[in-house]
Amino acid sequence: MTVLSFDEQGVDVVYQDVEFRLERELIEEAIEKSYPNVTDHEVLKIVDEDPTLSGEPRRIQDIIG
């Protein structure tokens, strides 16, 4: 299971019991969108090649509100 914790500057990730941080700039470069408009599903796809996606994608802007 992958756990994502979003804030204004990036995302804390727990993936296969490994904790790491994806900085805002890295996410924007990888997705080619401004950070607030990136979705949680897009971030999951950076972390996991074949993620289990459930529910509707949510924009980071809406998550950190």
PDB file of N, CA and C in Angstrom:
ATOM      1  N   MET A   1       0.838  -1.189   0.000  1.00  0.00           N
ATOM      2  CA  MET A   1       0.000   0.000   0.000  1.00  0.00           C
ATOM      3  C   MET A   1       0.879   1.247   0.000  1.00  0.00           C
ATOM      4  N   THR A   2       0.469   2.239  -0.770  1.00  0.00           N
ATOM      5  CA  THR A   2       1.198   3.500  -0.857  1.00  0.00           C
ATOM      6  C   THR A   2       0.421   4.575  -0.109  1.00  0.00           C
ATOM      7  N   VAL A   3       1.122   5.326   0.745  1.00  0.00           N
ATOM      8  CA  VAL A   3       0.496   6.405   1.507  1.00  0.00           C
ATOM      9  C   VAL A   3       1.112   7.718   1.057  1.00  0.00           C
ATOM     10  N   LEU A   4       0.255   8.676   0.693  1.00  0.00           N
ATOM     11  CA  LEU A   4       0.697  10.000   0.271  1.00  0.00           C
ATOM     12  C   LEU A   4       0.183  11.040   1.263  1.00  0.00           C
ATOM     13  N   SER A   5       1.059  11.944   1.706  1.00  0.00           N
ATOM     14  CA  SER A   5       0.678  13.044   2.591  1.00  0.00           C
ATOM     15  C   SER A   5       1.115  14.343   1.917  1.00  0.00           C
ATOM     16  N   PHE A   6       0.146  15.138   1.507  1.00  0.00           N
ATOM     17  CA  PHE A   6       0.403  16.349   0.726  1.00  0.00           C
ATOM     18  C   PHE A   6       0.535  17.572   1.620  1.00  0.00           C
ATOM     19  N   ASP A   7       1.415  18.500   1.221  1.00  0.00           N
ATOM     20  CA  ASP A   7       1.469  19.833   1.812  1.00  0.00           C
ATOM     21  C   ASP A   7       1.857  20.824   0.722  1.00  0.00           C
ATOM     22  N   GLU A   8       2.031  22.064   1.074  1.00  0.00           N
ATOM     23  CA  GLU A   8       2.305  23.118   0.088  1.00  0.00           C
ATOM     24  C   GLU A   8       3.611  22.910  -0.684  1.00  0.00           C
ATOM     25  N   GLN A   9       4.579  22.221  -0.075  1.00  0.00           N
ATOM     26  CA  GLN A   9       5.915  22.106  -0.659  1.00  0.00           C
ATOM     27  C   GLN A   9       6.220  20.766  -1.298  1.00  0.00           C
ATOM     28  N   GLY A  10       5.306  19.795  -1.157  1.00  0.00           N
ATOM     29  CA  GLY A  10       5.573  18.488  -1.743  1.00  0.00           C
ATOM     30  C   GLY A  10       4.737  17.402  -1.102  1.00  0.00           C
ATOM     31  N   VAL A  11       5.203  16.169  -1.274  1.00  0.00           N
ATOM     32  CA  VAL A  11       4.455  15.003  -0.811  1.00  0.00           C
ATOM     33  C   VAL A  11       5.382  14.062  -0.053  1.00  0.00           C
ATOM     34  N   ASP A  12       4.963  13.687   1.154  1.00  0.00           N
ATOM     35  CA  ASP A  12       5.638  12.626   1.887  1.00  0.00           C
ATOM     36  C   ASP A  12       5.018  11.321   1.431  1.00  0.00           C
ATOM     37  N   VAL A  13       5.870  10.350   1.108  1.00  0.00           N
ATOM     38  CA  VAL A  13       5.408   9.088   0.538  1.00  0.00           C
ATOM     39  C   VAL A  13       5.913   7.925   1.391  1.00  0.00           C
ATOM     40  N   VAL A  14       5.049   6.940   1.587  1.00  0.00           N
ATOM     41  CA  VAL A  14       5.460   5.654   2.140  1.00  0.00           C
ATOM     42  C   VAL A  14       5.091   4.624   1.083  1.00  0.00           C
ATOM     43  N   TYR A  15       6.112   3.972   0.521  1.00  0.00           N
ATOM     44  CA  TYR A  15       5.917   2.999  -0.551  1.00  0.00           C
ATOM     45  C   TYR A  15       6.727   1.757  -0.224  1.00  0.00           C
ATOM     46  N   GLN A  16       6.070   0.644  -0.085  1.00  0.00           N
ATOM     47  CA  GLN A  16       6.721  -0.619   0.267  1.00  0.00           C
ATOM     48  C   GLN A  16       7.623  -0.455   1.487  1.00  0.00           C
ATOM     49  N   ASP A  17       7.066   0.187   2.532  1.00  0.00           N
ATOM     50  CA  ASP A  17       7.743   0.417   3.814  1.00  0.00           C
ATOM     51  C   ASP A  17       8.952   1.345   3.720  1.00  0.00           C
ATOM     52  N   VAL A  18       9.097   2.064   2.612  1.00  0.00           N
ATOM     53  CA  VAL A  18      10.171   3.041   2.458  1.00  0.00           C
ATOM     54  C   VAL A  18       9.541   4.434   2.463  1.00  0.00           C
ATOM     55  N   GLU A  19      10.069   5.320   3.330  1.00  0.00           N
ATOM     56  CA  GLU A  19       9.568   6.684   3.416  1.00  0.00           C
ATOM     57  C   GLU A  19      10.498   7.621   2.663  1.00  0.00           C
ATOM     58  N   PHE A  20       9.901   8.513   1.853  1.00  0.00           N
ATOM     59  CA  PHE A  20      10.690   9.523   1.147  1.00  0.00           C
ATOM     60  C   PHE A  20       9.806  10.710   0.816  1.00  0.00           C
ATOM     61  N   ARG A  21      10.413  11.756   0.302  1.00  0.00           N
ATOM     62  CA  ARG A  21       9.704  12.995  -0.009  1.00  0.00           C
ATOM     63  C   ARG A  21       9.869  13.324  -1.481  1.00  0.00           C
ATOM     64  N   LEU A  22       8.766  13.708  -2.117  1.00  0.00           N
ATOM     65  CA  LEU A  22       8.797  14.251  -3.479  1.00  0.00           C
ATOM     66  C   LEU A  22       8.575  15.755  -3.363  1.00  0.00           C
ATOM     67  N   GLU A  23       9.555  16.528  -3.759  1.00  0.00           N
ATOM     68  CA  GLU A  23       9.434  17.982  -3.681  1.00  0.00           C
ATOM     69  C   GLU A  23       8.520  18.509  -4.782  1.00  0.00           C
ATOM     70  N   ARG A  24       7.903  19.623  -4.502  1.00  0.00           N
ATOM     71  CA  ARG A  24       6.962  20.273  -5.421  1.00  0.00           C
ATOM     72  C   ARG A  24       7.555  20.434  -6.821  1.00  0.00           C
ATOM     73  N   GLU A  25       8.800  20.918  -6.916  1.00  0.00           N
ATOM     74  CA  GLU A  25       9.433  21.176  -8.207  1.00  0.00           C
ATOM     75  C   GLU A  25       9.605  19.891  -9.015  1.00  0.00           C
ATOM     76  N   LEU A  26       9.974  18.806  -8.339  1.00  0.00           N
ATOM     77  CA  LEU A  26      10.146  17.515  -8.997  1.00  0.00           C
ATOM     78  C   LEU A  26       8.813  17.025  -9.574  1.00  0.00           C
ATOM     79  N   ILE A  27       7.754  17.172  -8.804  1.00  0.00           N
ATOM     80  CA  ILE A  27       6.424  16.747  -9.253  1.00  0.00           C
ATOM     81  C   ILE A  27       5.984  17.577 -10.455  1.00  0.00           C
ATOM     82  N   GLU A  28       6.169  18.894 -10.383  1.00  0.00           N
ATOM     83  CA  GLU A  28       5.783  19.758 -11.501  1.00  0.00           C
ATOM     84  C   GLU A  28       6.551  19.397 -12.765  1.00  0.00           C
ATOM     85  N   GLU A  29       7.830  19.111 -12.625  1.00  0.00           N
ATOM     86  CA  GLU A  29       8.651  18.755 -13.780  1.00  0.00           C
ATOM     87  C   GLU A  29       8.210  17.408 -14.373  1.00  0.00           C
ATOM     88  N   ALA A  30       7.930  16.446 -13.516  1.00  0.00           N
ATOM     89  CA  ALA A  30       7.546  15.109 -13.975  1.00  0.00           C
ATOM     90  C   ALA A  30       6.173  15.096 -14.647  1.00  0.00           C
ATOM     91  N   ILE A  31       5.234  15.857 -14.104  1.00  0.00           N
ATOM     92  CA  ILE A  31       3.858  15.844 -14.607  1.00  0.00           C
ATOM     93  C   ILE A  31       3.629  16.935 -15.659  1.00  0.00           C
ATOM     94  N   GLU A  32       4.503  17.956 -15.656  1.00  0.00           N
ATOM     95  CA  GLU A  32       4.379  19.092 -16.576  1.00  0.00           C
ATOM     96  C   GLU A  32       3.079  19.865 -16.360  1.00  0.00           C
ATOM     97  N   LYS A  33       2.761  20.084 -15.087  1.00  0.00           N
ATOM     98  CA  LYS A  33       1.620  20.893 -14.662  1.00  0.00           C
ATOM     99  C   LYS A  33       2.043  21.652 -13.412  1.00  0.00           C
ATOM    100  N   SER A  34       1.310  22.724 -13.112  1.00  0.00           N
ATOM    101  CA  SER A  34       1.576  23.420 -11.856  1.00  0.00           C
ATOM    102  C   SER A  34       1.123  22.529 -10.703  1.00  0.00           C
ATOM    103  N   TYR A  35       1.857  22.581  -9.616  1.00  0.00           N
ATOM    104  CA  TYR A  35       1.630  21.696  -8.476  1.00  0.00           C
ATOM    105  C   TYR A  35       0.165  21.646  -8.009  1.00  0.00           C
ATOM    106  N   PRO A  36      -0.524  22.780  -7.856  1.00  0.00           N
ATOM    107  CA  PRO A  36      -1.917  22.703  -7.373  1.00  0.00           C
ATOM    108  C   PRO A  36      -2.850  21.930  -8.307  1.00  0.00           C
ATOM    109  N   ASN A  37      -2.514  21.833  -9.581  1.00  0.00           N
ATOM    110  CA  ASN A  37      -3.383  21.166 -10.555  1.00  0.00           C
ATOM    111  C   ASN A  37      -3.042  19.692 -10.788  1.00  0.00           C
ATOM    112  N   VAL A  38      -1.972  19.216 -10.173  1.00  0.00           N
ATOM    113  CA  VAL A  38      -1.607  17.803 -10.257  1.00  0.00           C
ATOM    114  C   VAL A  38      -2.602  17.025  -9.412  1.00  0.00           C
ATOM    115  N   THR A  39      -2.945  15.796  -9.835  1.00  0.00           N
ATOM    116  CA  THR A  39      -3.878  14.990  -9.044  1.00  0.00           C
ATOM    117  C   THR A  39      -3.130  13.944  -8.217  1.00  0.00           C
ATOM    118  N   ASP A  40      -3.830  13.436  -7.213  1.00  0.00           N
ATOM    119  CA  ASP A  40      -3.251  12.375  -6.397  1.00  0.00           C
ATOM    120  C   ASP A  40      -2.953  11.140  -7.237  1.00  0.00           C
ATOM    121  N   HIS A  41      -3.768  10.861  -8.237  1.00  0.00           N
ATOM    122  CA  HIS A  41      -3.531   9.709  -9.114  1.00  0.00           C
ATOM    123  C   HIS A  41      -2.246   9.900  -9.917  1.00  0.00           C
ATOM    124  N   GLU A  42      -1.984  11.119 -10.366  1.00  0.00           N
ATOM    125  CA  GLU A  42      -0.750  11.378 -11.122  1.00  0.00           C
ATOM    126  C   GLU A  42       0.480  11.174 -10.238  1.00  0.00           C
ATOM    127  N   VAL A  43       0.407  11.601  -8.986  1.00  0.00           N
ATOM    128  CA  VAL A  43       1.528  11.398  -8.065  1.00  0.00           C
ATOM    129  C   VAL A  43       1.727   9.908  -7.813  1.00  0.00           C
ATOM    130  N   LEU A  44       0.642   9.166  -7.639  1.00  0.00           N
ATOM    131  CA  LEU A  44       0.752   7.716  -7.450  1.00  0.00           C
ATOM    132  C   LEU A  44       1.470   7.054  -8.621  1.00  0.00           C
ATOM    133  N   LYS A  45       1.209   7.540  -9.825  1.00  0.00           N
ATOM    134  CA  LYS A  45       1.841   6.961 -11.010  1.00  0.00           C
ATOM    135  C   LYS A  45       3.340   7.261 -11.073  1.00  0.00           C
ATOM    136  N   ILE A  46       3.785   8.320 -10.415  1.00  0.00           N
ATOM    137  CA  ILE A  46       5.224   8.605 -10.314  1.00  0.00           C
ATOM    138  C   ILE A  46       5.876   7.565  -9.412  1.00  0.00           C
ATOM    139  N   VAL A  47       5.189   7.232  -8.333  1.00  0.00           N
ATOM    140  CA  VAL A  47       5.735   6.351  -7.307  1.00  0.00           C
ATOM    141  C   VAL A  47       5.645   4.876  -7.698  1.00  0.00           C
ATOM    142  N   ASP A  48       4.510   4.481  -8.242  1.00  0.00           N
ATOM    143  CA  ASP A  48       4.229   3.072  -8.522  1.00  0.00           C
ATOM    144  C   ASP A  48       3.911   2.917 -10.000  1.00  0.00           C
ATOM    145  N   GLU A  49       4.627   2.036 -10.660  1.00  0.00           N
ATOM    146  CA  GLU A  49       4.450   1.835 -12.096  1.00  0.00           C
ATOM    147  C   GLU A  49       3.036   1.371 -12.453  1.00  0.00           C
ATOM    148  N   ASP A  50       2.433   0.577 -11.584  1.00  0.00           N
ATOM    149  CA  ASP A  50       1.098   0.034 -11.832  1.00  0.00           C
ATOM    150  C   ASP A  50       0.239   0.182 -10.573  1.00  0.00           C
ATOM    151  N   PRO A  51      -0.144   1.432 -10.231  1.00  0.00           N
ATOM    152  CA  PRO A  51      -0.866   1.649  -8.978  1.00  0.00           C
ATOM    153  C   PRO A  51      -2.317   1.161  -9.050  1.00  0.00           C
ATOM    154  N   THR A  52      -2.857   0.845  -7.898  1.00  0.00           N
ATOM    155  CA  THR A  52      -4.280   0.546  -7.785  1.00  0.00           C
ATOM    156  C   THR A  52      -4.982   1.865  -7.521  1.00  0.00           C
ATOM    157  N   LEU A  53      -5.696   2.357  -8.517  1.00  0.00           N
ATOM    158  CA  LEU A  53      -6.369   3.645  -8.403  1.00  0.00           C
ATOM    159  C   LEU A  53      -7.830   3.412  -8.056  1.00  0.00           C
ATOM    160  N   SER A  54      -8.303   4.143  -7.057  1.00  0.00           N
ATOM    161  CA  SER A  54      -9.708   4.029  -6.692  1.00  0.00           C
ATOM    162  C   SER A  54     -10.292   5.421  -6.501  1.00  0.00           C
ATOM    163  N   GLY A  55     -11.563   5.550  -6.771  1.00  0.00           N
ATOM    164  CA  GLY A  55     -12.216   6.841  -6.628  1.00  0.00           C
ATOM    165  C   GLY A  55     -11.817   7.806  -7.719  1.00  0.00           C
ATOM    166  N   GLU A  56     -12.359   8.993  -7.620  1.00  0.00           N
ATOM    167  CA  GLU A  56     -12.045  10.050  -8.576  1.00  0.00           C
ATOM    168  C   GLU A  56     -10.713  10.696  -8.219  1.00  0.00           C
ATOM    169  N   PRO A  57      -9.924  11.090  -9.226  1.00  0.00           N
ATOM    170  CA  PRO A  57      -8.678  11.805  -8.929  1.00  0.00           C
ATOM    171  C   PRO A  57      -8.998  13.145  -8.261  1.00  0.00           C
ATOM    172  N   ARG A  58      -8.155  13.531  -7.303  1.00  0.00           N
ATOM    173  CA  ARG A  58      -8.335  14.808  -6.610  1.00  0.00           C
ATOM    174  C   ARG A  58      -7.117  15.683  -6.839  1.00  0.00           C
ATOM    175  N   ARG A  59      -7.362  16.954  -7.155  1.00  0.00           N
ATOM    176  CA  ARG A  59      -6.255  17.893  -7.341  1.00  0.00           C
ATOM    177  C   ARG A  59      -5.614  18.212  -5.997  1.00  0.00           C
ATOM    178  N   ILE A  60      -4.308  18.418  -6.003  1.00  0.00           N
ATOM    179  CA  ILE A  60      -3.601  18.761  -4.771  1.00  0.00           C
ATOM    180  C   ILE A  60      -4.207  20.011  -4.151  1.00  0.00           C
ATOM    181  N   GLN A  61      -4.574  20.974  -4.964  1.00  0.00           N
ATOM    182  CA  GLN A  61      -5.188  22.208  -4.468  1.00  0.00           C
ATOM    183  C   GLN A  61      -6.413  21.897  -3.603  1.00  0.00           C
ATOM    184  N   ASP A  62      -7.211  20.916  -4.013  1.00  0.00           N
ATOM    185  CA  ASP A  62      -8.405  20.551  -3.253  1.00  0.00           C
ATOM    186  C   ASP A  62      -8.058  19.757  -2.000  1.00  0.00           C
ATOM    187  N   ILE A  63      -6.977  18.994  -2.046  1.00  0.00           N
ATOM    188  CA  ILE A  63      -6.580  18.175  -0.902  1.00  0.00           C
ATOM    189  C   ILE A  63      -6.030  19.050   0.225  1.00  0.00           C
ATOM    190  N   ILE A  64      -5.152  20.001  -0.119  1.00  0.00           N
ATOM    191  CA  ILE A  64      -4.524  20.811   0.927  1.00  0.00           C
ATOM    192  C   ILE A  64      -5.335  22.059   1.251  1.00  0.00           C
ATOM    193  N   GLY A  65      -6.328  22.338   0.376  1.00  0.00           N
ATOM    194  CA  GLY A  65      -7.298  23.407   0.538  1.00  0.00           C
ATOM    195  C   GLY A  65      -6.847  24.556   1.316  1.00  0.00           C
TER     196      GLY A  65
END
